[in-house]
Amino acid sequence: MDIDKKLDSLKRIQPVDPPPFLYTRILARIESPGSLPAPFAWRWAFAAVFILLLSLNFSVLLKTSDKPASPGIEEVVYAMDLTTTNDFYRE
């Protein structure tokens, strides 16, 4: 079959010798301090955006309240005999 010929051709593959000092070059690149620190302006911008988002979240948290929705909605719920709990059965 044609597939057997293709599989037999894989047996003729020979390993390739790597270039000299490849391993030492890889290790040197891993250990080198290639990443530079962020510029000073970027650090200030990140800090400002972080503080802005934090204050926005805090202000939204303070403005939310636990008081129920408008009384009009409660009237509709009671008029339509809807339940405000997650119980399946009414006892």
PDB file of N, CA and C in Angstrom:
ATOM      1  N   MET A   1       0.829  -1.193   0.000  1.00  0.00           N
ATOM      2  CA  MET A   1       0.000   0.000   0.000  1.00  0.00           C
ATOM      3  C   MET A   1       0.870   1.253   0.000  1.00  0.00           C
ATOM      4  N   ASP A   2       0.238   2.335  -0.308  1.00  0.00           N
ATOM      5  CA  ASP A   2       0.936   3.626  -0.354  1.00  0.00           C
ATOM      6  C   ASP A   2       1.312   4.098   1.050  1.00  0.00           C
ATOM      7  N   ILE A   3       0.474   3.777   2.028  1.00  0.00           N
ATOM      8  CA  ILE A   3       0.728   4.215   3.398  1.00  0.00           C
ATOM      9  C   ILE A   3       1.964   3.508   3.952  1.00  0.00           C
ATOM     10  N   ASP A   4       2.120   2.219   3.616  1.00  0.00           N
ATOM     11  CA  ASP A   4       3.294   1.483   4.097  1.00  0.00           C
ATOM     12  C   ASP A   4       4.587   2.073   3.551  1.00  0.00           C
ATOM     13  N   LYS A   5       4.564   2.531   2.326  1.00  0.00           N
ATOM     14  CA  LYS A   5       5.760   3.153   1.739  1.00  0.00           C
ATOM     15  C   LYS A   5       6.108   4.447   2.477  1.00  0.00           C
ATOM     16  N   LYS A   6       5.081   5.209   2.808  1.00  0.00           N
ATOM     17  CA  LYS A   6       5.318   6.468   3.518  1.00  0.00           C
ATOM     18  C   LYS A   6       5.848   6.204   4.927  1.00  0.00           C
ATOM     19  N   LEU A   7       5.307   5.183   5.575  1.00  0.00           N
ATOM     20  CA  LEU A   7       5.793   4.864   6.917  1.00  0.00           C
ATOM     21  C   LEU A   7       7.210   4.313   6.875  1.00  0.00           C
ATOM     22  N   ASP A   8       7.557   3.557   5.840  1.00  0.00           N
ATOM     23  CA  ASP A   8       8.920   3.041   5.710  1.00  0.00           C
ATOM     24  C   ASP A   8       9.913   4.165   5.447  1.00  0.00           C
ATOM     25  N   SER A   9       9.459   5.220   4.791  1.00  0.00           N
ATOM     26  CA  SER A   9      10.363   6.339   4.537  1.00  0.00           C
ATOM     27  C   SER A   9      10.746   7.064   5.833  1.00  0.00           C
ATOM     28  N   LEU A  10       9.929   6.935   6.848  1.00  0.00           N
ATOM     29  CA  LEU A  10      10.244   7.553   8.139  1.00  0.00           C
ATOM     30  C   LEU A  10      11.410   6.858   8.828  1.00  0.00           C
ATOM     31  N   LYS A  11      11.647   5.618   8.499  1.00  0.00           N
ATOM     32  CA  LYS A  11      12.757   4.874   9.110  1.00  0.00           C
ATOM     33  C   LYS A  11      14.113   5.366   8.618  1.00  0.00           C
ATOM     34  N   ARG A  12      14.128   6.082   7.505  1.00  0.00           N
ATOM     35  CA  ARG A  12      15.385   6.570   6.963  1.00  0.00           C
ATOM     36  C   ARG A  12      15.794   7.932   7.522  1.00  0.00           C
ATOM     37  N   ILE A  13      15.008   8.470   8.411  1.00  0.00           N
ATOM     38  CA  ILE A  13      15.332   9.771   8.992  1.00  0.00           C
ATOM     39  C   ILE A  13      16.486   9.605   9.964  1.00  0.00           C
ATOM     40  N   GLN A  14      17.475  10.474   9.842  1.00  0.00           N
ATOM     41  CA  GLN A  14      18.643  10.426  10.707  1.00  0.00           C
ATOM     42  C   GLN A  14      18.661  11.653  11.615  1.00  0.00           C
ATOM     43  N   PRO A  15      19.153  11.508  12.836  1.00  0.00           N
ATOM     44  CA  PRO A  15      19.213  12.665  13.734  1.00  0.00           C
ATOM     45  C   PRO A  15      20.187  13.713  13.210  1.00  0.00           C
ATOM     46  N   VAL A  16      19.877  14.945  13.512  1.00  0.00           N
ATOM     47  CA  VAL A  16      20.679  16.083  13.056  1.00  0.00           C
ATOM     48  C   VAL A  16      21.525  16.572  14.219  1.00  0.00           C
ATOM     49  N   ASP A  17      22.769  16.874  13.944  1.00  0.00           N
ATOM     50  CA  ASP A  17      23.647  17.423  14.979  1.00  0.00           C
ATOM     51  C   ASP A  17      23.331  18.898  15.186  1.00  0.00           C
ATOM     52  N   PRO A  18      23.174  19.313  16.450  1.00  0.00           N
ATOM     53  CA  PRO A  18      22.885  20.731  16.708  1.00  0.00           C
ATOM     54  C   PRO A  18      24.124  21.577  16.470  1.00  0.00           C
ATOM     55  N   PRO A  19      23.930  22.866  16.267  1.00  0.00           N
ATOM     56  CA  PRO A  19      25.080  23.758  16.111  1.00  0.00           C
ATOM     57  C   PRO A  19      25.924  23.752  17.395  1.00  0.00           C
ATOM     58  N   PRO A  20      27.206  24.024  17.265  1.00  0.00           N
ATOM     59  CA  PRO A  20      28.056  24.006  18.462  1.00  0.00           C
ATOM     60  C   PRO A  20      27.656  25.114  19.441  1.00  0.00           C
ATOM     61  N   PHE A  21      27.756  24.795  20.711  1.00  0.00           N
ATOM     62  CA  PHE A  21      27.471  25.717  21.813  1.00  0.00           C
ATOM     63  C   PHE A  21      26.014  26.210  21.826  1.00  0.00           C
ATOM     64  N   LEU A  22      25.117  25.423  21.286  1.00  0.00           N
ATOM     65  CA  LEU A  22      23.702  25.824  21.284  1.00  0.00           C
ATOM     66  C   LEU A  22      23.163  25.865  22.713  1.00  0.00           C
ATOM     67  N   TYR A  23      23.477  24.877  23.497  1.00  0.00           N
ATOM     68  CA  TYR A  23      22.983  24.820  24.867  1.00  0.00           C
ATOM     69  C   TYR A  23      23.498  25.989  25.692  1.00  0.00           C
ATOM     70  N   THR A  24      24.760  26.335  25.546  1.00  0.00           N
ATOM     71  CA  THR A  24      25.294  27.455  26.319  1.00  0.00           C
ATOM     72  C   THR A  24      24.682  28.776  25.881  1.00  0.00           C
ATOM     73  N   ARG A  25      24.383  28.914  24.586  1.00  0.00           N
ATOM     74  CA  ARG A  25      23.720  30.140  24.117  1.00  0.00           C
ATOM     75  C   ARG A  25      22.303  30.244  24.673  1.00  0.00           C
ATOM     76  N   ILE A  26      21.600  29.123  24.739  1.00  0.00           N
ATOM     77  CA  ILE A  26      20.240  29.141  25.296  1.00  0.00           C
ATOM     78  C   ILE A  26      20.278  29.523  26.770  1.00  0.00           C
ATOM     79  N   LEU A  27      21.192  28.931  27.524  1.00  0.00           N
ATOM     80  CA  LEU A  27      21.308  29.272  28.945  1.00  0.00           C
ATOM     81  C   LEU A  27      21.696  30.731  29.153  1.00  0.00           C
ATOM     82  N   ALA A  28      22.582  31.238  28.313  1.00  0.00           N
ATOM     83  CA  ALA A  28      22.995  32.639  28.451  1.00  0.00           C
ATOM     84  C   ALA A  28      21.830  33.574  28.173  1.00  0.00           C
ATOM     85  N   ARG A  29      21.000  33.229  27.210  1.00  0.00           N
ATOM     86  CA  ARG A  29      19.853  34.082  26.899  1.00  0.00           C
ATOM     87  C   ARG A  29      18.818  34.032  28.014  1.00  0.00           C
ATOM     88  N   ILE A  30      18.648  32.860  28.633  1.00  0.00           N
ATOM     89  CA  ILE A  30      17.685  32.739  29.735  1.00  0.00           C
ATOM     90  C   ILE A  30      18.155  33.552  30.940  1.00  0.00           C
ATOM     91  N   GLU A  31      19.439  33.497  31.241  1.00  0.00           N
ATOM     92  CA  GLU A  31      19.963  34.158  32.431  1.00  0.00           C
ATOM     93  C   GLU A  31      20.251  35.639  32.232  1.00  0.00           C
ATOM     94  N   SER A  32      20.240  36.116  31.016  1.00  0.00           N
ATOM     95  CA  SER A  32      20.555  37.524  30.792  1.00  0.00           C
ATOM     96  C   SER A  32      19.394  38.403  31.245  1.00  0.00           C
ATOM     97  N   PRO A  33      19.710  39.572  31.776  1.00  0.00           N
ATOM     98  CA  PRO A  33      18.636  40.492  32.206  1.00  0.00           C
ATOM     99  C   PRO A  33      18.061  41.221  30.993  1.00  0.00           C
ATOM    100  N   GLY A  34      17.293  40.527  30.213  1.00  0.00           N
ATOM    101  CA  GLY A  34      16.765  41.097  28.980  1.00  0.00           C
ATOM    102  C   GLY A  34      15.569  42.012  29.201  1.00  0.00           C
ATOM    103  N   SER A  35      14.843  41.811  30.281  1.00  0.00           N
ATOM    104  CA  SER A  35      13.666  42.635  30.501  1.00  0.00           C
ATOM    105  C   SER A  35      14.055  43.911  31.233  1.00  0.00           C
ATOM    106  N   LEU A  36      13.759  45.005  30.631  1.00  0.00           N
ATOM    107  CA  LEU A  36      14.049  46.308  31.227  1.00  0.00           C
ATOM    108  C   LEU A  36      12.883  46.732  32.094  1.00  0.00           C
ATOM    109  N   PRO A  37      13.122  47.474  33.149  1.00  0.00           N
ATOM    110  CA  PRO A  37      12.004  47.959  33.963  1.00  0.00           C
ATOM    111  C   PRO A  37      11.177  48.971  33.178  1.00  0.00           C
ATOM    112  N   ALA A  38       9.939  49.087  33.579  1.00  0.00           N
ATOM    113  CA  ALA A  38       9.031  50.012  32.899  1.00  0.00           C
ATOM    114  C   ALA A  38       9.512  51.452  33.106  1.00  0.00           C
ATOM    115  N   PRO A  39       9.276  52.314  32.122  1.00  0.00           N
ATOM    116  CA  PRO A  39       9.663  53.722  32.285  1.00  0.00           C
ATOM    117  C   PRO A  39       8.935  54.360  33.464  1.00  0.00           C
ATOM    118  N   PHE A  40       9.539  55.388  34.011  1.00  0.00           N
ATOM    119  CA  PHE A  40       9.000  56.048  35.202  1.00  0.00           C
ATOM    120  C   PHE A  40       7.608  56.617  34.948  1.00  0.00           C
ATOM    121  N   ALA A  41       7.378  57.173  33.772  1.00  0.00           N
ATOM    122  CA  ALA A  41       6.056  57.736  33.453  1.00  0.00           C
ATOM    123  C   ALA A  41       4.982  56.653  33.413  1.00  0.00           C
ATOM    124  N   TRP A  42       5.338  55.471  32.913  1.00  0.00           N
ATOM    125  CA  TRP A  42       4.373  54.373  32.867  1.00  0.00           C
ATOM    126  C   TRP A  42       4.011  53.903  34.266  1.00  0.00           C
ATOM    127  N   ARG A  43       4.980  53.919  35.166  1.00  0.00           N
ATOM    128  CA  ARG A  43       4.694  53.519  36.545  1.00  0.00           C
ATOM    129  C   ARG A  43       3.719  54.490  37.202  1.00  0.00           C
ATOM    130  N   TRP A  44       3.942  55.781  36.996  1.00  0.00           N
ATOM    131  CA  TRP A  44       3.031  56.786  37.559  1.00  0.00           C
ATOM    132  C   TRP A  44       1.641  56.661  36.955  1.00  0.00           C
ATOM    133  N   ALA A  45       1.564  56.410  35.654  1.00  0.00           N
ATOM    134  CA  ALA A  45       0.263  56.268  34.995  1.00  0.00           C
ATOM    135  C   ALA A  45      -0.467  55.039  35.530  1.00  0.00           C
ATOM    136  N   PHE A  46       0.248  53.945  35.702  1.00  0.00           N
ATOM    137  CA  PHE A  46      -0.379  52.744  36.250  1.00  0.00           C
ATOM    138  C   PHE A  46      -0.888  52.988  37.665  1.00  0.00           C
ATOM    139  N   ALA A  47      -0.095  53.648  38.481  1.00  0.00           N
ATOM    140  CA  ALA A  47      -0.512  53.940  39.856  1.00  0.00           C
ATOM    141  C   ALA A  47      -1.734  54.850  39.874  1.00  0.00           C
ATOM    142  N   ALA A  48      -1.758  55.855  38.998  1.00  0.00           N
ATOM    143  CA  ALA A  48      -2.902  56.774  38.958  1.00  0.00           C
ATOM    144  C   ALA A  48      -4.170  56.053  38.521  1.00  0.00           C
ATOM    145  N   VAL A  49      -4.081  55.211  37.513  1.00  0.00           N
ATOM    146  CA  VAL A  49      -5.253  54.471  37.048  1.00  0.00           C
ATOM    147  C   VAL A  49      -5.722  53.495  38.115  1.00  0.00           C
ATOM    148  N   PHE A  50      -4.789  52.860  38.800  1.00  0.00           N
ATOM    149  CA  PHE A  50      -5.160  51.936  39.870  1.00  0.00           C
ATOM    150  C   PHE A  50      -5.898  52.656  40.989  1.00  0.00           C
ATOM    151  N   ILE A  51      -5.401  53.804  41.397  1.00  0.00           N
ATOM    152  CA  ILE A  51      -6.059  54.572  42.459  1.00  0.00           C
ATOM    153  C   ILE A  51      -7.422  55.072  41.992  1.00  0.00           C
ATOM    154  N   LEU A  52      -7.521  55.490  40.746  1.00  0.00           N
ATOM    155  CA  LEU A  52      -8.803  55.941  40.200  1.00  0.00           C
ATOM    156  C   LEU A  52      -9.825  54.815  40.210  1.00  0.00           C
ATOM    157  N   LEU A  53      -9.445  53.633  39.746  1.00  0.00           N
ATOM    158  CA  LEU A  53     -10.373  52.501  39.739  1.00  0.00           C
ATOM    159  C   LEU A  53     -10.740  52.064  41.153  1.00  0.00           C
ATOM    160  N   LEU A  54      -9.784  52.101  42.039  1.00  0.00           N
ATOM    161  CA  LEU A  54     -10.059  51.729  43.419  1.00  0.00           C
ATOM    162  C   LEU A  54     -11.044  52.701  44.067  1.00  0.00           C
ATOM    163  N   SER A  55     -10.863  53.995  43.833  1.00  0.00           N
ATOM    164  CA  SER A  55     -11.783  54.981  44.407  1.00  0.00           C
ATOM    165  C   SER A  55     -13.160  54.895  43.762  1.00  0.00           C
ATOM    166  N   LEU A  56     -13.209  54.589  42.469  1.00  0.00           N
ATOM    167  CA  LEU A  56     -14.506  54.432  41.795  1.00  0.00           C
ATOM    168  C   LEU A  56     -15.260  53.238  42.369  1.00  0.00           C
ATOM    169  N   ASN A  57     -14.566  52.132  42.565  1.00  0.00           N
ATOM    170  CA  ASN A  57     -15.213  50.956  43.161  1.00  0.00           C
ATOM    171  C   ASN A  57     -15.676  51.241  44.579  1.00  0.00           C
ATOM    172  N   PHE A  58     -14.871  51.959  45.339  1.00  0.00           N
ATOM    173  CA  PHE A  58     -15.243  52.273  46.709  1.00  0.00           C
ATOM    174  C   PHE A  58     -16.457  53.197  46.750  1.00  0.00           C
ATOM    175  N   SER A  59     -16.515  54.171  45.841  1.00  0.00           N
ATOM    176  CA  SER A  59     -17.663  55.082  45.831  1.00  0.00           C
ATOM    177  C   SER A  59     -18.942  54.359  45.422  1.00  0.00           C
ATOM    178  N   VAL A  60     -18.847  53.429  44.476  1.00  0.00           N
ATOM    179  CA  VAL A  60     -20.030  52.652  44.092  1.00  0.00           C
ATOM    180  C   VAL A  60     -20.476  51.775  45.253  1.00  0.00           C
ATOM    181  N   LEU A  61     -19.528  51.227  45.971  1.00  0.00           N
ATOM    182  CA  LEU A  61     -19.859  50.395  47.121  1.00  0.00           C
ATOM    183  C   LEU A  61     -20.568  51.202  48.198  1.00  0.00           C
ATOM    184  N   LEU A  62     -20.153  52.436  48.427  1.00  0.00           N
ATOM    185  CA  LEU A  62     -20.787  53.262  49.451  1.00  0.00           C
ATOM    186  C   LEU A  62     -22.162  53.760  49.028  1.00  0.00           C
ATOM    187  N   LYS A  63     -22.380  53.968  47.741  1.00  0.00           N
ATOM    188  CA  LYS A  63     -23.664  54.500  47.278  1.00  0.00           C
ATOM    189  C   LYS A  63     -24.748  53.440  47.220  1.00  0.00           C
ATOM    190  N   THR A  64     -24.370  52.169  47.136  1.00  0.00           N
ATOM    191  CA  THR A  64     -25.402  51.133  47.128  1.00  0.00           C
ATOM    192  C   THR A  64     -25.992  51.024  48.514  1.00  0.00           C
ATOM    193  N   SER A  65     -27.250  50.744  48.570  1.00  0.00           N
ATOM    194  CA  SER A  65     -27.909  50.651  49.866  1.00  0.00           C
ATOM    195  C   SER A  65     -28.751  49.390  49.916  1.00  0.00           C
ATOM    196  N   ASP A  66     -29.165  49.033  51.110  1.00  0.00           N
ATOM    197  CA  ASP A  66     -29.953  47.829  51.312  1.00  0.00           C
ATOM    198  C   ASP A  66     -31.447  48.110  51.356  1.00  0.00           C
ATOM    199  N   LYS A  67     -31.849  49.331  51.109  1.00  0.00           N
ATOM    200  CA  LYS A  67     -33.272  49.621  51.166  1.00  0.00           C
ATOM    201  C   LYS A  67     -33.965  48.978  49.965  1.00  0.00           C
ATOM    202  N   PRO A  68     -35.199  48.562  50.136  1.00  0.00           N
ATOM    203  CA  PRO A  68     -35.901  47.884  49.041  1.00  0.00           C
ATOM    204  C   PRO A  68     -36.168  48.826  47.880  1.00  0.00           C
ATOM    205  N   ALA A  69     -36.544  48.243  46.772  1.00  0.00           N
ATOM    206  CA  ALA A  69     -36.836  49.023  45.574  1.00  0.00           C
ATOM    207  C   ALA A  69     -38.064  49.902  45.827  1.00  0.00           C
ATOM    208  N   SER A  70     -38.446  50.641  44.849  1.00  0.00           N
ATOM    209  CA  SER A  70     -39.558  51.584  45.008  1.00  0.00           C
ATOM    210  C   SER A  70     -40.829  50.855  45.428  1.00  0.00           C
ATOM    211  N   PRO A  71     -41.703  51.540  46.165  1.00  0.00           N
ATOM    212  CA  PRO A  71     -42.918  50.882  46.645  1.00  0.00           C
ATOM    213  C   PRO A  71     -43.843  50.452  45.505  1.00  0.00           C
ATOM    214  N   GLY A  72     -43.710  51.038  44.334  1.00  0.00           N
ATOM    215  CA  GLY A  72     -44.553  50.642  43.210  1.00  0.00           C
ATOM    216  C   GLY A  72     -44.302  49.205  42.794  1.00  0.00           C
ATOM    217  N   ILE A  73     -43.075  48.775  42.859  1.00  0.00           N
ATOM    218  CA  ILE A  73     -42.743  47.402  42.482  1.00  0.00           C
ATOM    219  C   ILE A  73     -43.309  46.420  43.498  1.00  0.00           C
ATOM    220  N   GLU A  74     -43.241  46.767  44.769  1.00  0.00           N
ATOM    221  CA  GLU A  74     -43.805  45.885  45.794  1.00  0.00           C
ATOM    222  C   GLU A  74     -45.311  45.726  45.614  1.00  0.00           C
ATOM    223  N   GLU A  75     -46.004  46.793  45.242  1.00  0.00           N
ATOM    224  CA  GLU A  75     -47.440  46.711  45.014  1.00  0.00           C
ATOM    225  C   GLU A  75     -47.752  45.772  43.851  1.00  0.00           C
ATOM    226  N   VAL A  76     -46.968  45.836  42.798  1.00  0.00           N
ATOM    227  CA  VAL A  76     -47.182  44.959  41.652  1.00  0.00           C
ATOM    228  C   VAL A  76     -46.929  43.506  42.042  1.00  0.00           C
ATOM    229  N   VAL A  77     -45.901  43.259  42.843  1.00  0.00           N
ATOM    230  CA  VAL A  77     -45.587  41.900  43.276  1.00  0.00           C
ATOM    231  C   VAL A  77     -46.733  41.318  44.086  1.00  0.00           C
ATOM    232  N   TYR A  78     -47.274  42.084  45.014  1.00  0.00           N
ATOM    233  CA  TYR A  78     -48.370  41.577  45.831  1.00  0.00           C
ATOM    234  C   TYR A  78     -49.659  41.480  45.037  1.00  0.00           C
ATOM    235  N   ALA A  79     -49.902  42.372  44.104  1.00  0.00           N
ATOM    236  CA  ALA A  79     -51.122  42.333  43.305  1.00  0.00           C
ATOM    237  C   ALA A  79     -51.141  41.116  42.382  1.00  0.00           C
ATOM    238  N   MET A  80     -50.006  40.740  41.857  1.00  0.00           N
ATOM    239  CA  MET A  80     -49.930  39.592  40.946  1.00  0.00           C
ATOM    240  C   MET A  80     -49.671  38.293  41.697  1.00  0.00           C
ATOM    241  N   ASP A  81     -49.629  38.356  43.014  1.00  0.00           N
ATOM    242  CA  ASP A  81     -49.404  37.212  43.877  1.00  0.00           C
ATOM    243  C   ASP A  81     -48.079  36.516  43.539  1.00  0.00           C
ATOM    244  N   LEU A  82     -47.040  37.310  43.335  1.00  0.00           N
ATOM    245  CA  LEU A  82     -45.703  36.773  43.082  1.00  0.00           C
ATOM    246  C   LEU A  82     -44.987  36.603  44.403  1.00  0.00           C
ATOM    247  N   THR A  83     -44.015  35.746  44.431  1.00  0.00           N
ATOM    248  CA  THR A  83     -43.271  35.513  45.658  1.00  0.00           C
ATOM    249  C   THR A  83     -41.941  36.255  45.597  1.00  0.00           C
ATOM    250  N   THR A  84     -41.489  36.682  46.726  1.00  0.00           N
ATOM    251  CA  THR A  84     -40.204  37.380  46.778  1.00  0.00           C
ATOM    252  C   THR A  84     -39.108  36.479  47.318  1.00  0.00           C
ATOM    253  N   THR A  85     -39.434  35.207  47.565  1.00  0.00           N
ATOM    254  CA  THR A  85     -38.439  34.265  48.052  1.00  0.00           C
ATOM    255  C   THR A  85     -38.168  33.215  46.981  1.00  0.00           C
ATOM    256  N   ASN A  86     -37.196  32.405  47.233  1.00  0.00           N
ATOM    257  CA  ASN A  86     -36.836  31.362  46.285  1.00  0.00           C
ATOM    258  C   ASN A  86     -37.386  30.001  46.684  1.00  0.00           C
ATOM    259  N   ASP A  87     -38.432  29.985  47.478  1.00  0.00           N
ATOM    260  CA  ASP A  87     -39.033  28.719  47.899  1.00  0.00           C
ATOM    261  C   ASP A  87     -39.871  28.140  46.767  1.00  0.00           C
ATOM    262  N   PHE A  88     -39.825  26.818  46.631  1.00  0.00           N
ATOM    263  CA  PHE A  88     -40.620  26.160  45.601  1.00  0.00           C
ATOM    264  C   PHE A  88     -42.067  25.935  46.040  1.00  0.00           C
ATOM    265  N   TYR A  89     -42.247  25.708  47.316  1.00  0.00           N
ATOM    266  CA  TYR A  89     -43.573  25.394  47.827  1.00  0.00           C
ATOM    267  C   TYR A  89     -43.993  26.448  48.814  1.00  0.00           C
ATOM    268  N   ARG A  90     -45.257  26.786  48.738  1.00  0.00           N
ATOM    269  CA  ARG A  90     -45.792  27.755  49.713  1.00  0.00           C
ATOM    270  C   ARG A  90     -46.381  26.977  50.870  1.00  0.00           C
ATOM    271  N   GLU A  91     -45.988  27.347  52.043  1.00  0.00           N
ATOM    272  CA  GLU A  91     -46.504  26.622  53.220  1.00  0.00           C
ATOM    273  C   GLU A  91     -47.424  27.492  54.003  1.00  0.00           C
TER     274      GLU A  91
END
